[in-house]
Amino acid sequence: VFDIPLNQAISVACIKEGYELPAVIYRCIEYLDANDADKEEGIYRLSGEHYDIHAVAGLLKLYLKN
């Protein structure tokens, strides 16, 4: 689902009907929300003790960048 148009990514990997997001985006947001990523200092710039949160945020940024 990387490097393809958003509408194609949605049709290939849609999380469920009615959600206009590819599954990878939905799952990243779901994970970050469940793990209080908004409270994590420097989540997009600094490495921290919670590597999983940073890895998921990095995946989300990579997807959105492409």
N, C-alpha and C. Protein backbone atom coordinates (compact mmCIF):
# COMPACT_ATOMS: atom_id res chain seq x y z
N VAL A 1 0.81 -1.20 0.00
CA VAL A 1 0.00 0.00 0.00
C VAL A 1 0.85 1.26 0.00
N PHE A 2 2.16 1.13 -0.07
CA PHE A 2 3.04 2.29 -0.18
C PHE A 2 3.25 2.61 -1.66
N ASP A 3 3.44 3.88 -1.93
CA ASP A 3 3.74 4.37 -3.28
C ASP A 3 2.64 4.08 -4.30
N ILE A 4 1.40 4.04 -3.84
CA ILE A 4 0.26 3.96 -4.75
C ILE A 4 -0.71 5.07 -4.39
N PRO A 5 -1.55 5.49 -5.32
CA PRO A 5 -2.52 6.55 -5.00
C PRO A 5 -3.41 6.18 -3.81
N LEU A 6 -3.79 7.18 -3.03
CA LEU A 6 -4.58 6.96 -1.82
C LEU A 6 -5.86 6.20 -2.11
N ASN A 7 -6.58 6.56 -3.16
CA ASN A 7 -7.84 5.86 -3.45
C ASN A 7 -7.61 4.39 -3.77
N GLN A 8 -6.49 4.07 -4.39
CA GLN A 8 -6.17 2.68 -4.66
C GLN A 8 -5.78 1.95 -3.37
N ALA A 9 -5.04 2.62 -2.50
CA ALA A 9 -4.67 2.01 -1.21
C ALA A 9 -5.90 1.72 -0.38
N ILE A 10 -6.88 2.60 -0.44
CA ILE A 10 -8.12 2.39 0.31
C ILE A 10 -8.86 1.16 -0.23
N SER A 11 -8.91 1.03 -1.54
CA SER A 11 -9.63 -0.10 -2.12
C SER A 11 -8.91 -1.42 -1.88
N VAL A 12 -7.58 -1.39 -1.81
CA VAL A 12 -6.80 -2.60 -1.61
C VAL A 12 -6.77 -3.02 -0.14
N ALA A 13 -6.63 -2.06 0.76
CA ALA A 13 -6.43 -2.36 2.18
C ALA A 13 -7.31 -1.49 3.07
N CYS A 14 -8.59 -1.47 2.80
CA CYS A 14 -9.53 -0.70 3.60
C CYS A 14 -9.83 -1.45 4.90
N ILE A 15 -9.84 -0.74 6.01
CA ILE A 15 -10.06 -1.37 7.31
C ILE A 15 -11.48 -1.89 7.45
N LYS A 16 -12.45 -1.09 7.03
CA LYS A 16 -13.84 -1.53 6.99
C LYS A 16 -14.64 -0.51 6.20
N GLU A 17 -15.77 -0.94 5.72
CA GLU A 17 -16.60 -0.08 4.90
C GLU A 17 -17.01 1.17 5.68
N GLY A 18 -16.96 2.30 5.02
CA GLY A 18 -17.31 3.56 5.66
C GLY A 18 -16.11 4.35 6.16
N TYR A 19 -14.93 3.71 6.21
CA TYR A 19 -13.71 4.39 6.61
C TYR A 19 -12.90 4.69 5.36
N GLU A 20 -12.61 5.94 5.11
CA GLU A 20 -11.85 6.34 3.93
C GLU A 20 -10.37 6.41 4.25
N LEU A 21 -9.85 5.38 4.88
CA LEU A 21 -8.43 5.29 5.22
C LEU A 21 -7.91 3.91 4.87
N PRO A 22 -6.69 3.81 4.38
CA PRO A 22 -6.08 2.49 4.23
C PRO A 22 -5.85 1.88 5.62
N ALA A 23 -5.83 0.59 5.69
CA ALA A 23 -5.67 -0.11 6.96
C ALA A 23 -4.42 0.32 7.71
N VAL A 24 -3.30 0.54 7.00
CA VAL A 24 -2.05 0.90 7.68
C VAL A 24 -2.20 2.23 8.43
N ILE A 25 -2.89 3.18 7.84
CA ILE A 25 -3.10 4.47 8.50
C ILE A 25 -4.00 4.31 9.71
N TYR A 26 -5.10 3.60 9.54
CA TYR A 26 -6.05 3.38 10.63
C TYR A 26 -5.37 2.68 11.80
N ARG A 27 -4.61 1.63 11.51
CA ARG A 27 -3.95 0.86 12.58
C ARG A 27 -2.88 1.69 13.29
N CYS A 28 -2.14 2.51 12.56
CA CYS A 28 -1.14 3.38 13.19
C CYS A 28 -1.81 4.36 14.14
N ILE A 29 -2.85 5.02 13.67
CA ILE A 29 -3.56 5.98 14.51
C ILE A 29 -4.18 5.28 15.72
N GLU A 30 -4.76 4.12 15.50
CA GLU A 30 -5.36 3.35 16.59
C GLU A 30 -4.32 3.00 17.66
N TYR A 31 -3.15 2.54 17.22
CA TYR A 31 -2.08 2.17 18.14
C TYR A 31 -1.57 3.38 18.91
N LEU A 32 -1.30 4.47 18.18
CA LEU A 32 -0.78 5.67 18.83
C LEU A 32 -1.78 6.22 19.84
N ASP A 33 -3.05 6.21 19.49
CA ASP A 33 -4.09 6.69 20.41
C ASP A 33 -4.18 5.80 21.65
N ALA A 34 -4.14 4.50 21.46
CA ALA A 34 -4.25 3.55 22.57
C ALA A 34 -3.06 3.63 23.53
N ASN A 35 -1.93 4.11 23.03
CA ASN A 35 -0.72 4.19 23.85
C ASN A 35 -0.36 5.62 24.25
N ASP A 36 -1.37 6.49 24.23
CA ASP A 36 -1.21 7.88 24.69
C ASP A 36 -0.02 8.58 24.03
N ALA A 37 0.13 8.41 22.73
CA ALA A 37 1.25 9.01 22.02
C ALA A 37 1.25 10.53 22.10
N ASP A 38 0.09 11.12 22.29
CA ASP A 38 0.04 12.58 22.39
C ASP A 38 0.74 13.09 23.64
N LYS A 39 0.98 12.22 24.59
CA LYS A 39 1.67 12.60 25.83
C LYS A 39 3.17 12.30 25.76
N GLU A 40 3.60 11.67 24.69
CA GLU A 40 5.00 11.27 24.53
C GLU A 40 5.81 12.45 24.00
N GLU A 41 6.75 12.90 24.77
CA GLU A 41 7.55 14.06 24.38
C GLU A 41 8.45 13.72 23.20
N GLY A 42 8.46 14.59 22.22
CA GLY A 42 9.36 14.44 21.08
C GLY A 42 9.10 13.23 20.21
N ILE A 43 7.87 12.79 20.12
CA ILE A 43 7.57 11.54 19.42
C ILE A 43 8.07 11.50 17.98
N TYR A 44 8.12 12.61 17.30
CA TYR A 44 8.52 12.61 15.91
C TYR A 44 9.99 12.96 15.70
N ARG A 45 10.71 13.26 16.76
CA ARG A 45 12.09 13.69 16.57
C ARG A 45 13.11 12.93 17.42
N LEU A 46 12.76 12.58 18.63
CA LEU A 46 13.73 11.99 19.53
C LEU A 46 13.44 10.52 19.80
N SER A 47 14.48 9.75 19.93
CA SER A 47 14.30 8.38 20.38
C SER A 47 14.00 8.40 21.87
N GLY A 48 13.21 7.47 22.31
CA GLY A 48 12.86 7.42 23.72
C GLY A 48 12.86 6.00 24.22
N GLU A 49 12.29 5.80 25.38
CA GLU A 49 12.24 4.48 25.96
C GLU A 49 11.12 3.64 25.36
N HIS A 50 10.15 4.27 24.74
CA HIS A 50 9.00 3.55 24.18
C HIS A 50 9.17 3.44 22.67
N TYR A 51 10.05 2.55 22.26
CA TYR A 51 10.40 2.43 20.85
C TYR A 51 9.23 2.04 19.98
N ASP A 52 8.30 1.24 20.47
CA ASP A 52 7.17 0.83 19.65
C ASP A 52 6.33 2.03 19.22
N ILE A 53 6.07 2.96 20.12
CA ILE A 53 5.30 4.14 19.79
C ILE A 53 6.03 4.95 18.72
N HIS A 54 7.32 5.10 18.85
CA HIS A 54 8.10 5.86 17.90
C HIS A 54 8.16 5.16 16.54
N ALA A 55 8.24 3.86 16.54
CA ALA A 55 8.27 3.12 15.28
C ALA A 55 6.95 3.28 14.53
N VAL A 56 5.85 3.21 15.25
CA VAL A 56 4.55 3.36 14.60
C VAL A 56 4.36 4.78 14.10
N ALA A 57 4.76 5.76 14.88
CA ALA A 57 4.67 7.14 14.44
C ALA A 57 5.55 7.36 13.20
N GLY A 58 6.71 6.74 13.18
CA GLY A 58 7.59 6.85 12.02
C GLY A 58 6.98 6.20 10.78
N LEU A 59 6.32 5.08 10.96
CA LEU A 59 5.64 4.41 9.85
C LEU A 59 4.55 5.32 9.30
N LEU A 60 3.78 5.92 10.18
CA LEU A 60 2.71 6.82 9.76
C LEU A 60 3.29 8.00 8.99
N LYS A 61 4.37 8.59 9.50
CA LYS A 61 5.00 9.72 8.81
C LYS A 61 5.54 9.29 7.43
N LEU A 62 6.15 8.13 7.36
CA LEU A 62 6.67 7.64 6.09
C LEU A 62 5.55 7.45 5.07
N TYR A 63 4.46 6.88 5.51
CA TYR A 63 3.32 6.67 4.61
C TYR A 63 2.78 8.00 4.11
N LEU A 64 2.58 8.93 5.01
CA LEU A 64 2.01 10.23 4.62
C LEU A 64 2.98 11.02 3.74
N LYS A 65 4.28 10.84 3.94
CA LYS A 65 5.28 11.53 3.13
C LYS A 65 5.22 11.07 1.69
N ASN A 66 5.02 9.77 1.50
CA ASN A 66 4.96 9.22 0.15
C ASN A 66 3.61 9.49 -0.44
